[in-house]
């Protein structure tokens, strides 16, 4: 999403994830044809 809690070009989403766990993730851009652009750099990590 990008219209209420934060506004474009900030995007956000509430997600159910495992508790007390270090996760690695990246953001991707996906167009209407399914083409994907990955966020550059190392994987982001968060506990």
ModelCIF file with pLDDT and N, C-alpha, C, O atoms, coordinates in Angstrom:
data_MODEL
#
_entry.id   MODEL 
#
_entity.id                         1 
_entity.type                       polymer 
_entity.pdbx_number_of_molecules   1 
#
_entity_poly.entity_id                      1 
_entity_poly.type                           'polypeptide(L)' 
_entity_poly.nstd_linkage                   no 
_entity_poly.nstd_monomer                   no 
_entity_poly.pdbx_seq_one_letter_code       
;(UNK)(UNK)(UNK)(UNK)(UNK)(UNK)(UNK)(UNK)(UNK)(UNK)(UNK)(UNK)(UNK)(UNK)(UNK)(UNK)
(UNK)(UNK)(UNK)(UNK)(UNK)(UNK)(UNK)(UNK)(UNK)(UNK)(UNK)(UNK)(UNK)(UNK)(UNK)(UNK)
(UNK)(UNK)(UNK)(UNK)(UNK)(UNK)(UNK)(UNK)(UNK)(UNK)(UNK)(UNK)(UNK)(UNK)(UNK)
;
_entity_poly.pdbx_seq_one_letter_code_can   XXXXXXXXXXXXXXXXXXXXXXXXXXXXXXXXXXXXXXXXXXXXXXX 
_entity_poly.pdbx_strand_id                 A 
#
loop_
_entity_poly_seq.entity_id 
_entity_poly_seq.num 
_entity_poly_seq.mon_id 
_entity_poly_seq.hetero 
1 1  UNK n 
1 2  UNK n 
1 3  UNK n 
1 4  UNK n 
1 5  UNK n 
1 6  UNK n 
1 7  UNK n 
1 8  UNK n 
1 9  UNK n 
1 10 UNK n 
1 11 UNK n 
1 12 UNK n 
1 13 UNK n 
1 14 UNK n 
1 15 UNK n 
1 16 UNK n 
1 17 UNK n 
1 18 UNK n 
1 19 UNK n 
1 20 UNK n 
1 21 UNK n 
1 22 UNK n 
1 23 UNK n 
1 24 UNK n 
1 25 UNK n 
1 26 UNK n 
1 27 UNK n 
1 28 UNK n 
1 29 UNK n 
1 30 UNK n 
1 31 UNK n 
1 32 UNK n 
1 33 UNK n 
1 34 UNK n 
1 35 UNK n 
1 36 UNK n 
1 37 UNK n 
1 38 UNK n 
1 39 UNK n 
1 40 UNK n 
1 41 UNK n 
1 42 UNK n 
1 43 UNK n 
1 44 UNK n 
1 45 UNK n 
1 46 UNK n 
1 47 UNK n 
#
_struct_asym.id          A 
_struct_asym.entity_id   1 
#
loop_
_ma_qa_metric.id 
_ma_qa_metric.mode 
_ma_qa_metric.name 
_ma_qa_metric.software_group_id 
_ma_qa_metric.type 
1 global pLDDT . pLDDT 
2 local  pLDDT . pLDDT 
#
_ma_qa_metric_global.metric_id      1 
_ma_qa_metric_global.metric_value   97.32 
_ma_qa_metric_global.model_id       1 
_ma_qa_metric_global.ordinal_id     1 
#
loop_
_ma_qa_metric_local.label_asym_id 
_ma_qa_metric_local.label_comp_id 
_ma_qa_metric_local.label_seq_id 
_ma_qa_metric_local.metric_id 
_ma_qa_metric_local.metric_value 
_ma_qa_metric_local.model_id 
_ma_qa_metric_local.ordinal_id 
A UNK 1  2 98.00 1 1  
A UNK 2  2 98.00 1 2  
A UNK 3  2 98.00 1 3  
A UNK 4  2 98.00 1 4  
A UNK 5  2 98.00 1 5  
A UNK 6  2 98.00 1 6  
A UNK 7  2 98.00 1 7  
A UNK 8  2 98.00 1 8  
A UNK 9  2 98.00 1 9  
A UNK 10 2 98.00 1 10 
A UNK 11 2 98.00 1 11 
A UNK 12 2 98.00 1 12 
A UNK 13 2 98.00 1 13 
A UNK 14 2 98.00 1 14 
A UNK 15 2 98.00 1 15 
A UNK 16 2 98.00 1 16 
A UNK 17 2 98.00 1 17 
A UNK 18 2 98.00 1 18 
A UNK 19 2 98.00 1 19 
A UNK 20 2 98.00 1 20 
A UNK 21 2 98.00 1 21 
A UNK 22 2 98.00 1 22 
A UNK 23 2 98.00 1 23 
A UNK 24 2 98.00 1 24 
A UNK 25 2 98.00 1 25 
A UNK 26 2 98.00 1 26 
A UNK 27 2 98.00 1 27 
A UNK 28 2 98.00 1 28 
A UNK 29 2 98.00 1 29 
A UNK 30 2 97.00 1 30 
A UNK 31 2 96.00 1 31 
A UNK 32 2 93.00 1 32 
A UNK 33 2 94.00 1 33 
A UNK 34 2 93.00 1 34 
A UNK 35 2 96.00 1 35 
A UNK 36 2 97.00 1 36 
A UNK 37 2 97.00 1 37 
A UNK 38 2 98.00 1 38 
A UNK 39 2 97.00 1 39 
A UNK 40 2 96.00 1 40 
A UNK 41 2 96.00 1 41 
A UNK 42 2 96.00 1 42 
A UNK 43 2 97.00 1 43 
A UNK 44 2 97.00 1 44 
A UNK 45 2 97.00 1 45 
A UNK 46 2 97.00 1 46 
A UNK 47 2 98.00 1 47 
#
loop_
_atom_site.group_PDB 
_atom_site.id 
_atom_site.type_symbol 
_atom_site.label_atom_id 
_atom_site.label_alt_id 
_atom_site.label_comp_id 
_atom_site.label_asym_id 
_atom_site.label_entity_id 
_atom_site.label_seq_id 
_atom_site.pdbx_PDB_ins_code 
_atom_site.Cartn_x 
_atom_site.Cartn_y 
_atom_site.Cartn_z 
_atom_site.occupancy 
_atom_site.B_iso_or_equiv 
_atom_site.pdbx_formal_charge 
_atom_site.auth_seq_id 
_atom_site.auth_comp_id 
_atom_site.auth_asym_id 
_atom_site.auth_atom_id 
_atom_site.pdbx_PDB_model_num 
ATOM 1   N N  . UNK A 1 1  ? 0.833  -1.204  0.000   1.00 98.00 ? 1  UNK A N  1 
ATOM 2   C CA . UNK A 1 1  ? 0.000  0.000   0.000   1.00 98.00 ? 1  UNK A CA 1 
ATOM 3   C C  . UNK A 1 1  ? 0.870  1.257   0.000   1.00 98.00 ? 1  UNK A C  1 
ATOM 4   O O  . UNK A 1 1  ? 2.052  1.209   0.341   1.00 98.00 ? 1  UNK A O  1 
ATOM 5   N N  . UNK A 1 2  ? 0.256  2.401   -0.394  1.00 98.00 ? 2  UNK A N  1 
ATOM 6   C CA . UNK A 1 2  ? 1.037  3.648   -0.410  1.00 98.00 ? 2  UNK A CA 1 
ATOM 7   C C  . UNK A 1 2  ? 0.174  4.907   -0.351  1.00 98.00 ? 2  UNK A C  1 
ATOM 8   O O  . UNK A 1 2  ? 0.558  5.945   -0.890  1.00 98.00 ? 2  UNK A O  1 
ATOM 9   N N  . UNK A 1 3  ? -1.002 4.823   0.306   1.00 98.00 ? 3  UNK A N  1 
ATOM 10  C CA . UNK A 1 3  ? -1.899 5.968   0.269   1.00 98.00 ? 3  UNK A CA 1 
ATOM 11  C C  . UNK A 1 3  ? -2.372 6.474   1.625   1.00 98.00 ? 3  UNK A C  1 
ATOM 12  O O  . UNK A 1 3  ? -2.740 7.644   1.724   1.00 98.00 ? 3  UNK A O  1 
ATOM 13  N N  . UNK A 1 4  ? -2.381 5.657   2.671   1.00 98.00 ? 4  UNK A N  1 
ATOM 14  C CA . UNK A 1 4  ? -3.014 6.093   3.923   1.00 98.00 ? 4  UNK A CA 1 
ATOM 15  C C  . UNK A 1 4  ? -1.996 6.234   5.050   1.00 98.00 ? 4  UNK A C  1 
ATOM 16  O O  . UNK A 1 4  ? -1.701 7.357   5.459   1.00 98.00 ? 4  UNK A O  1 
ATOM 17  N N  . UNK A 1 5  ? -1.453 5.142   5.561   1.00 98.00 ? 5  UNK A N  1 
ATOM 18  C CA . UNK A 1 5  ? -0.488 5.219   6.669   1.00 98.00 ? 5  UNK A CA 1 
ATOM 19  C C  . UNK A 1 5  ? 0.766  5.956   6.216   1.00 98.00 ? 5  UNK A C  1 
ATOM 20  O O  . UNK A 1 5  ? 1.224  6.882   6.885   1.00 98.00 ? 5  UNK A O  1 
ATOM 21  N N  . UNK A 1 6  ? 1.313  5.546   5.089   1.00 98.00 ? 6  UNK A N  1 
ATOM 22  C CA . UNK A 1 6  ? 2.391  6.272   4.420   1.00 98.00 ? 6  UNK A CA 1 
ATOM 23  C C  . UNK A 1 6  ? 1.943  6.524   2.988   1.00 98.00 ? 6  UNK A C  1 
ATOM 24  O O  . UNK A 1 6  ? 1.092  5.814   2.453   1.00 98.00 ? 6  UNK A O  1 
ATOM 25  N N  . UNK A 1 7  ? 2.528  7.541   2.383   1.00 98.00 ? 7  UNK A N  1 
ATOM 26  C CA . UNK A 1 7  ? 2.143  7.888   1.024   1.00 98.00 ? 7  UNK A CA 1 
ATOM 27  C C  . UNK A 1 7  ? 3.317  7.687   0.063   1.00 98.00 ? 7  UNK A C  1 
ATOM 28  O O  . UNK A 1 7  ? 4.483  7.824   0.435   1.00 98.00 ? 7  UNK A O  1 
ATOM 29  N N  . UNK A 1 8  ? 2.977  7.366   -1.155  1.00 98.00 ? 8  UNK A N  1 
ATOM 30  C CA . UNK A 1 8  ? 3.956  7.154   -2.222  1.00 98.00 ? 8  UNK A CA 1 
ATOM 31  C C  . UNK A 1 8  ? 4.973  8.305   -2.259  1.00 98.00 ? 8  UNK A C  1 
ATOM 32  O O  . UNK A 1 8  ? 4.591  9.472   -2.173  1.00 98.00 ? 8  UNK A O  1 
ATOM 33  N N  . UNK A 1 9  ? 6.262  7.977   -2.386  1.00 98.00 ? 9  UNK A N  1 
ATOM 34  C CA . UNK A 1 9  ? 6.861  6.694   -2.771  1.00 98.00 ? 9  UNK A CA 1 
ATOM 35  C C  . UNK A 1 9  ? 7.248  5.784   -1.603  1.00 98.00 ? 9  UNK A C  1 
ATOM 36  O O  . UNK A 1 9  ? 8.095  4.903   -1.756  1.00 98.00 ? 9  UNK A O  1 
ATOM 37  N N  . UNK A 1 10 ? 6.623  5.998   -0.423  1.00 98.00 ? 10 UNK A N  1 
ATOM 38  C CA . UNK A 1 10 ? 6.797  5.031   0.661   1.00 98.00 ? 10 UNK A CA 1 
ATOM 39  C C  . UNK A 1 10 ? 5.677  3.995   0.568   1.00 98.00 ? 10 UNK A C  1 
ATOM 40  O O  . UNK A 1 10 ? 4.507  4.346   0.410   1.00 98.00 ? 10 UNK A O  1 
ATOM 41  N N  . UNK A 1 11 ? 6.041  2.737   0.666   1.00 98.00 ? 11 UNK A N  1 
ATOM 42  C CA . UNK A 1 11 ? 5.092  1.630   0.580   1.00 98.00 ? 11 UNK A CA 1 
ATOM 43  C C  . UNK A 1 11 ? 5.114  0.853   1.900   1.00 98.00 ? 11 UNK A C  1 
ATOM 44  O O  . UNK A 1 11 ? 6.131  0.838   2.593   1.00 98.00 ? 11 UNK A O  1 
ATOM 45  N N  . UNK A 1 12 ? 3.995  0.209   2.250   1.00 98.00 ? 12 UNK A N  1 
ATOM 46  C CA . UNK A 1 12 ? 3.936  -0.537  3.510   1.00 98.00 ? 12 UNK A CA 1 
ATOM 47  C C  . UNK A 1 12 ? 2.946  -1.691  3.396   1.00 98.00 ? 12 UNK A C  1 
ATOM 48  O O  . UNK A 1 12 ? 2.071  -1.698  2.530   1.00 98.00 ? 12 UNK A O  1 
ATOM 49  N N  . UNK A 1 13 ? 3.103  -2.669  4.292   1.00 98.00 ? 13 UNK A N  1 
ATOM 50  C CA . UNK A 1 13 ? 2.175  -3.805  4.331   1.00 98.00 ? 13 UNK A CA 1 
ATOM 51  C C  . UNK A 1 13 ? 2.328  -4.498  5.674   1.00 98.00 ? 13 UNK A C  1 
ATOM 52  O O  . UNK A 1 13 ? 3.448  -4.703  6.142   1.00 98.00 ? 13 UNK A O  1 
ATOM 53  N N  . UNK A 1 14 ? 1.198  -4.867  6.308   1.00 98.00 ? 14 UNK A N  1 
ATOM 54  C CA . UNK A 1 14 ? 1.204  -5.596  7.573   1.00 98.00 ? 14 UNK A CA 1 
ATOM 55  C C  . UNK A 1 14 ? 1.185  -7.093  7.276   1.00 98.00 ? 14 UNK A C  1 
ATOM 56  O O  . UNK A 1 14 ? 0.293  -7.585  6.585   1.00 98.00 ? 14 UNK A O  1 
ATOM 57  N N  . UNK A 1 15 ? 2.176  -7.816  7.805   1.00 98.00 ? 15 UNK A N  1 
ATOM 58  C CA . UNK A 1 15 ? 2.372  -9.220  7.441   1.00 98.00 ? 15 UNK A CA 1 
ATOM 59  C C  . UNK A 1 15 ? 2.535  -10.069 8.698   1.00 98.00 ? 15 UNK A C  1 
ATOM 60  O O  . UNK A 1 15 ? 3.199  -9.663  9.652   1.00 98.00 ? 15 UNK A O  1 
ATOM 61  N N  . UNK A 1 16 ? 1.925  -11.246 8.688   1.00 98.00 ? 16 UNK A N  1 
ATOM 62  C CA . UNK A 1 16 ? 2.112  -12.210 9.768   1.00 98.00 ? 16 UNK A CA 1 
ATOM 63  C C  . UNK A 1 16 ? 3.393  -12.988 9.509   1.00 98.00 ? 16 UNK A C  1 
ATOM 64  O O  . UNK A 1 16 ? 3.526  -13.656 8.484   1.00 98.00 ? 16 UNK A O  1 
ATOM 65  N N  . UNK A 1 17 ? 4.344  -12.899 10.452  1.00 98.00 ? 17 UNK A N  1 
ATOM 66  C CA . UNK A 1 17 ? 5.657  -13.539 10.297  1.00 98.00 ? 17 UNK A CA 1 
ATOM 67  C C  . UNK A 1 17 ? 5.985  -14.308 11.580  1.00 98.00 ? 17 UNK A C  1 
ATOM 68  O O  . UNK A 1 17 ? 5.386  -14.051 12.624  1.00 98.00 ? 17 UNK A O  1 
ATOM 69  N N  . UNK A 1 18 ? 6.934  -15.253 11.508  1.00 98.00 ? 18 UNK A N  1 
ATOM 70  C CA . UNK A 1 18 ? 7.286  -16.017 12.714  1.00 98.00 ? 18 UNK A CA 1 
ATOM 71  C C  . UNK A 1 18 ? 7.864  -15.119 13.801  1.00 98.00 ? 18 UNK A C  1 
ATOM 72  O O  . UNK A 1 18 ? 8.664  -14.227 13.521  1.00 98.00 ? 18 UNK A O  1 
ATOM 73  N N  . UNK A 1 19 ? 7.453  -15.362 15.040  1.00 98.00 ? 19 UNK A N  1 
ATOM 74  C CA . UNK A 1 19 ? 7.882  -14.545 16.176  1.00 98.00 ? 19 UNK A CA 1 
ATOM 75  C C  . UNK A 1 19 ? 9.304  -14.899 16.601  1.00 98.00 ? 19 UNK A C  1 
ATOM 76  O O  . UNK A 1 19 ? 9.720  -16.055 16.529  1.00 98.00 ? 19 UNK A O  1 
ATOM 77  N N  . UNK A 1 20 ? 10.052 -13.866 17.051  1.00 98.00 ? 20 UNK A N  1 
ATOM 78  C CA . UNK A 1 20 ? 11.371 -14.073 17.617  1.00 98.00 ? 20 UNK A CA 1 
ATOM 79  C C  . UNK A 1 20 ? 12.350 -14.731 16.671  1.00 98.00 ? 20 UNK A C  1 
ATOM 80  O O  . UNK A 1 20 ? 13.162 -15.557 17.088  1.00 98.00 ? 20 UNK A O  1 
ATOM 81  N N  . UNK A 1 21 ? 12.281 -14.374 15.402  1.00 98.00 ? 21 UNK A N  1 
ATOM 82  C CA . UNK A 1 21 ? 13.135 -15.018 14.406  1.00 98.00 ? 21 UNK A CA 1 
ATOM 83  C C  . UNK A 1 21 ? 13.805 -13.974 13.527  1.00 98.00 ? 21 UNK A C  1 
ATOM 84  O O  . UNK A 1 21 ? 13.182 -12.991 13.126  1.00 98.00 ? 21 UNK A O  1 
ATOM 85  N N  . UNK A 1 22 ? 15.083 -14.197 13.231  1.00 98.00 ? 22 UNK A N  1 
ATOM 86  C CA . UNK A 1 22 ? 15.778 -13.340 12.281  1.00 98.00 ? 22 UNK A CA 1 
ATOM 87  C C  . UNK A 1 22 ? 15.359 -13.734 10.867  1.00 98.00 ? 22 UNK A C  1 
ATOM 88  O O  . UNK A 1 22 ? 15.535 -14.880 10.453  1.00 98.00 ? 22 UNK A O  1 
ATOM 89  N N  . UNK A 1 23 ? 14.806 -12.777 10.137  1.00 98.00 ? 23 UNK A N  1 
ATOM 90  C CA . UNK A 1 23 ? 14.382 -13.043 8.765   1.00 98.00 ? 23 UNK A CA 1 
ATOM 91  C C  . UNK A 1 23 ? 15.198 -12.178 7.812   1.00 98.00 ? 23 UNK A C  1 
ATOM 92  O O  . UNK A 1 23 ? 15.632 -11.078 8.156   1.00 98.00 ? 23 UNK A O  1 
ATOM 93  N N  . UNK A 1 24 ? 15.389 -12.694 6.629   1.00 98.00 ? 24 UNK A N  1 
ATOM 94  C CA . UNK A 1 24 ? 16.024 -11.930 5.562   1.00 98.00 ? 24 UNK A CA 1 
ATOM 95  C C  . UNK A 1 24 ? 14.992 -11.685 4.475   1.00 98.00 ? 24 UNK A C  1 
ATOM 96  O O  . UNK A 1 24 ? 14.131 -12.527 4.219   1.00 98.00 ? 24 UNK A O  1 
ATOM 97  N N  . UNK A 1 25 ? 15.086 -10.523 3.837   1.00 98.00 ? 25 UNK A N  1 
ATOM 98  C CA . UNK A 1 25 ? 14.059 -10.168 2.869   1.00 98.00 ? 25 UNK A CA 1 
ATOM 99  C C  . UNK A 1 25 ? 14.584 -9.118  1.906   1.00 98.00 ? 25 UNK A C  1 
ATOM 100 O O  . UNK A 1 25 ? 15.609 -8.484  2.155   1.00 98.00 ? 25 UNK A O  1 
ATOM 101 N N  . UNK A 1 26 ? 13.870 -8.943  0.809   1.00 98.00 ? 26 UNK A N  1 
ATOM 102 C CA . UNK A 1 26 ? 14.067 -7.846  -0.122  1.00 98.00 ? 26 UNK A CA 1 
ATOM 103 C C  . UNK A 1 26 ? 12.717 -7.429  -0.685  1.00 98.00 ? 26 UNK A C  1 
ATOM 104 O O  . UNK A 1 26 ? 11.746 -8.186  -0.672  1.00 98.00 ? 26 UNK A O  1 
ATOM 105 N N  . UNK A 1 27 ? 12.692 -6.195  -1.181  1.00 98.00 ? 27 UNK A N  1 
ATOM 106 C CA . UNK A 1 27 ? 11.521 -5.724  -1.896  1.00 98.00 ? 27 UNK A CA 1 
ATOM 107 C C  . UNK A 1 27 ? 11.738 -5.926  -3.390  1.00 98.00 ? 27 UNK A C  1 
ATOM 108 O O  . UNK A 1 27 ? 12.863 -5.849  -3.883  1.00 98.00 ? 27 UNK A O  1 
ATOM 109 N N  . UNK A 1 28 ? 10.658 -6.181  -4.094  1.00 98.00 ? 28 UNK A N  1 
ATOM 110 C CA . UNK A 1 28 ? 10.733 -6.317  -5.543  1.00 98.00 ? 28 UNK A CA 1 
ATOM 111 C C  . UNK A 1 28 ? 9.656  -5.460  -6.188  1.00 98.00 ? 28 UNK A C  1 
ATOM 112 O O  . UNK A 1 28 ? 8.599  -5.222  -5.604  1.00 98.00 ? 28 UNK A O  1 
ATOM 113 N N  . UNK A 1 29 ? 9.941  -5.001  -7.401  1.00 98.00 ? 29 UNK A N  1 
ATOM 114 C CA . UNK A 1 29 ? 8.950  -4.315  -8.217  1.00 98.00 ? 29 UNK A CA 1 
ATOM 115 C C  . UNK A 1 29 ? 8.473  -5.295  -9.278  1.00 98.00 ? 29 UNK A C  1 
ATOM 116 O O  . UNK A 1 29 ? 9.276  -5.949  -9.944  1.00 98.00 ? 29 UNK A O  1 
ATOM 117 N N  . UNK A 1 30 ? 7.174  -5.386  -9.426  1.00 97.00 ? 30 UNK A N  1 
ATOM 118 C CA . UNK A 1 30 ? 6.596  -6.323  -10.382 1.00 97.00 ? 30 UNK A CA 1 
ATOM 119 C C  . UNK A 1 30 ? 5.580  -5.575  -11.239 1.00 97.00 ? 30 UNK A C  1 
ATOM 120 O O  . UNK A 1 30 ? 4.664  -4.941  -10.715 1.00 97.00 ? 30 UNK A O  1 
ATOM 121 N N  . UNK A 1 31 ? 5.745  -5.650  -12.567 1.00 96.00 ? 31 UNK A N  1 
ATOM 122 C CA . UNK A 1 31 ? 4.806  -4.945  -13.440 1.00 96.00 ? 31 UNK A CA 1 
ATOM 123 C C  . UNK A 1 31 ? 3.647  -5.855  -13.826 1.00 96.00 ? 31 UNK A C  1 
ATOM 124 O O  . UNK A 1 31 ? 3.587  -7.016  -13.421 1.00 96.00 ? 31 UNK A O  1 
ATOM 125 N N  . UNK A 1 32 ? 2.726  -5.304  -14.618 1.00 93.00 ? 32 UNK A N  1 
ATOM 126 C CA . UNK A 1 32 ? 1.509  -6.034  -14.946 1.00 93.00 ? 32 UNK A CA 1 
ATOM 127 C C  . UNK A 1 32 ? 1.768  -7.250  -15.829 1.00 93.00 ? 32 UNK A C  1 
ATOM 128 O O  . UNK A 1 32 ? 0.893  -8.103  -15.979 1.00 93.00 ? 32 UNK A O  1 
ATOM 129 N N  . UNK A 1 33 ? 2.953  -7.337  -16.411 1.00 94.00 ? 33 UNK A N  1 
ATOM 130 C CA . UNK A 1 33 ? 3.315  -8.495  -17.220 1.00 94.00 ? 33 UNK A CA 1 
ATOM 131 C C  . UNK A 1 33 ? 4.122  -9.533  -16.435 1.00 94.00 ? 33 UNK A C  1 
ATOM 132 O O  . UNK A 1 33 ? 4.551  -10.545 -16.988 1.00 94.00 ? 33 UNK A O  1 
ATOM 133 N N  . UNK A 1 34 ? 4.322  -9.266  -15.134 1.00 93.00 ? 34 UNK A N  1 
ATOM 134 C CA . UNK A 1 34 ? 5.048  -10.204 -14.298 1.00 93.00 ? 34 UNK A CA 1 
ATOM 135 C C  . UNK A 1 34 ? 6.541  -10.007 -14.277 1.00 93.00 ? 34 UNK A C  1 
ATOM 136 O O  . UNK A 1 34 ? 7.248  -10.793 -13.645 1.00 93.00 ? 34 UNK A O  1 
ATOM 137 N N  . UNK A 1 35 ? 7.057  -8.975  -14.952 1.00 96.00 ? 35 UNK A N  1 
ATOM 138 C CA . UNK A 1 35 ? 8.491  -8.697  -14.933 1.00 96.00 ? 35 UNK A CA 1 
ATOM 139 C C  . UNK A 1 35 ? 8.907  -8.192  -13.552 1.00 96.00 ? 35 UNK A C  1 
ATOM 140 O O  . UNK A 1 35 ? 8.212  -7.381  -12.941 1.00 96.00 ? 35 UNK A O  1 
ATOM 141 N N  . UNK A 1 36 ? 10.049 -8.682  -13.070 1.00 97.00 ? 36 UNK A N  1 
ATOM 142 C CA . UNK A 1 36 ? 10.475 -8.410  -11.702 1.00 97.00 ? 36 UNK A CA 1 
ATOM 143 C C  . UNK A 1 36 ? 11.800 -7.659  -11.688 1.00 97.00 ? 36 UNK A C  1 
ATOM 144 O O  . UNK A 1 36 ? 12.738 -7.999  -12.409 1.00 97.00 ? 36 UNK A O  1 
ATOM 145 N N  . UNK A 1 37 ? 11.852 -6.623  -10.843 1.00 97.00 ? 37 UNK A N  1 
ATOM 146 C CA . UNK A 1 37 ? 13.106 -5.911  -10.560 1.00 97.00 ? 37 UNK A CA 1 
ATOM 147 C C  . UNK A 1 37 ? 13.381 -6.055  -9.070  1.00 97.00 ? 37 UNK A C  1 
ATOM 148 O O  . UNK A 1 37 ? 12.573 -5.641  -8.238  1.00 97.00 ? 37 UNK A O  1 
ATOM 149 N N  . UNK A 1 38 ? 14.528 -6.644  -8.737  1.00 98.00 ? 38 UNK A N  1 
ATOM 150 C CA . UNK A 1 38 ? 14.881 -6.872  -7.342  1.00 98.00 ? 38 UNK A CA 1 
ATOM 151 C C  . UNK A 1 38 ? 15.569 -5.646  -6.752  1.00 98.00 ? 38 UNK A C  1 
ATOM 152 O O  . UNK A 1 38 ? 16.302 -4.931  -7.435  1.00 98.00 ? 38 UNK A O  1 
ATOM 153 N N  . UNK A 1 39 ? 15.314 -5.427  -5.479  1.00 97.00 ? 39 UNK A N  1 
ATOM 154 C CA . UNK A 1 39 ? 16.036 -4.418  -4.729  1.00 97.00 ? 39 UNK A CA 1 
ATOM 155 C C  . UNK A 1 39 ? 17.523 -4.773  -4.749  1.00 97.00 ? 39 UNK A C  1 
ATOM 156 O O  . UNK A 1 39 ? 17.880 -5.939  -4.583  1.00 97.00 ? 39 UNK A O  1 
ATOM 157 N N  . UNK A 1 40 ? 18.386 -3.790  -4.949  1.00 96.00 ? 40 UNK A N  1 
ATOM 158 C CA . UNK A 1 40 ? 19.823 -4.053  -5.060  1.00 96.00 ? 40 UNK A CA 1 
ATOM 159 C C  . UNK A 1 40 ? 20.457 -4.231  -3.681  1.00 96.00 ? 40 UNK A C  1 
ATOM 160 O O  . UNK A 1 40 ? 19.824 -3.984  -2.654  1.00 96.00 ? 40 UNK A O  1 
ATOM 161 N N  . UNK A 1 41 ? 21.732 -4.670  -3.679  1.00 96.00 ? 41 UNK A N  1 
ATOM 162 C CA . UNK A 1 41 ? 22.477 -4.791  -2.442  1.00 96.00 ? 41 UNK A CA 1 
ATOM 163 C C  . UNK A 1 41 ? 22.220 -6.100  -1.717  1.00 96.00 ? 41 UNK A C  1 
ATOM 164 O O  . UNK A 1 41 ? 21.594 -7.018  -2.248  1.00 96.00 ? 41 UNK A O  1 
ATOM 165 N N  . UNK A 1 42 ? 22.716 -6.161  -0.496  1.00 96.00 ? 42 UNK A N  1 
ATOM 166 C CA . UNK A 1 42 ? 22.570 -7.365  0.315   1.00 96.00 ? 42 UNK A CA 1 
ATOM 167 C C  . UNK A 1 42 ? 21.136 -7.554  0.781   1.00 96.00 ? 42 UNK A C  1 
ATOM 168 O O  . UNK A 1 42 ? 20.338 -6.616  0.786   1.00 96.00 ? 42 UNK A O  1 
ATOM 169 N N  . UNK A 1 43 ? 20.822 -8.787  1.174   1.00 97.00 ? 43 UNK A N  1 
ATOM 170 C CA . UNK A 1 43 ? 19.521 -9.041  1.783   1.00 97.00 ? 43 UNK A CA 1 
ATOM 171 C C  . UNK A 1 43 ? 19.362 -8.188  3.033   1.00 97.00 ? 43 UNK A C  1 
ATOM 172 O O  . UNK A 1 43 ? 20.305 -8.030  3.808   1.00 97.00 ? 43 UNK A O  1 
ATOM 173 N N  . UNK A 1 44 ? 18.182 -7.645  3.225   1.00 97.00 ? 44 UNK A N  1 
ATOM 174 C CA . UNK A 1 44 ? 17.889 -6.935  4.474   1.00 97.00 ? 44 UNK A CA 1 
ATOM 175 C C  . UNK A 1 44 ? 17.593 -7.985  5.539   1.00 97.00 ? 44 UNK A C  1 
ATOM 176 O O  . UNK A 1 44 ? 17.012 -9.028  5.238   1.00 97.00 ? 44 UNK A O  1 
ATOM 177 N N  . UNK A 1 45 ? 17.984 -7.719  6.763   1.00 97.00 ? 45 UNK A N  1 
ATOM 178 C CA . UNK A 1 45 ? 17.714 -8.663  7.851   1.00 97.00 ? 45 UNK A CA 1 
ATOM 179 C C  . UNK A 1 45 ? 17.023 -7.928  8.999   1.00 97.00 ? 45 UNK A C  1 
ATOM 180 O O  . UNK A 1 45 ? 17.209 -6.728  9.199   1.00 97.00 ? 45 UNK A O  1 
ATOM 181 N N  . UNK A 1 46 ? 16.224 -8.685  9.744   1.00 97.00 ? 46 UNK A N  1 
ATOM 182 C CA . UNK A 1 46 ? 15.427 -8.089  10.823  1.00 97.00 ? 46 UNK A CA 1 
ATOM 183 C C  . UNK A 1 46 ? 14.998 -9.213  11.758  1.00 97.00 ? 46 UNK A C  1 
ATOM 184 O O  . UNK A 1 46 ? 14.574 -10.276 11.305  1.00 97.00 ? 46 UNK A O  1 
ATOM 185 N N  . UNK A 1 47 ? 15.108 -8.981  13.047  1.00 98.00 ? 47 UNK A N  1 
ATOM 186 C CA . UNK A 1 47 ? 14.656 -9.961  14.035  1.00 98.00 ? 47 UNK A CA 1 
ATOM 187 C C  . UNK A 1 47 ? 13.279 -9.555  14.544  1.00 98.00 ? 47 UNK A C  1 
ATOM 188 O O  . UNK A 1 47 ? 12.706 -10.243 15.388  1.00 98.00 ? 47 UNK A O  1 
#
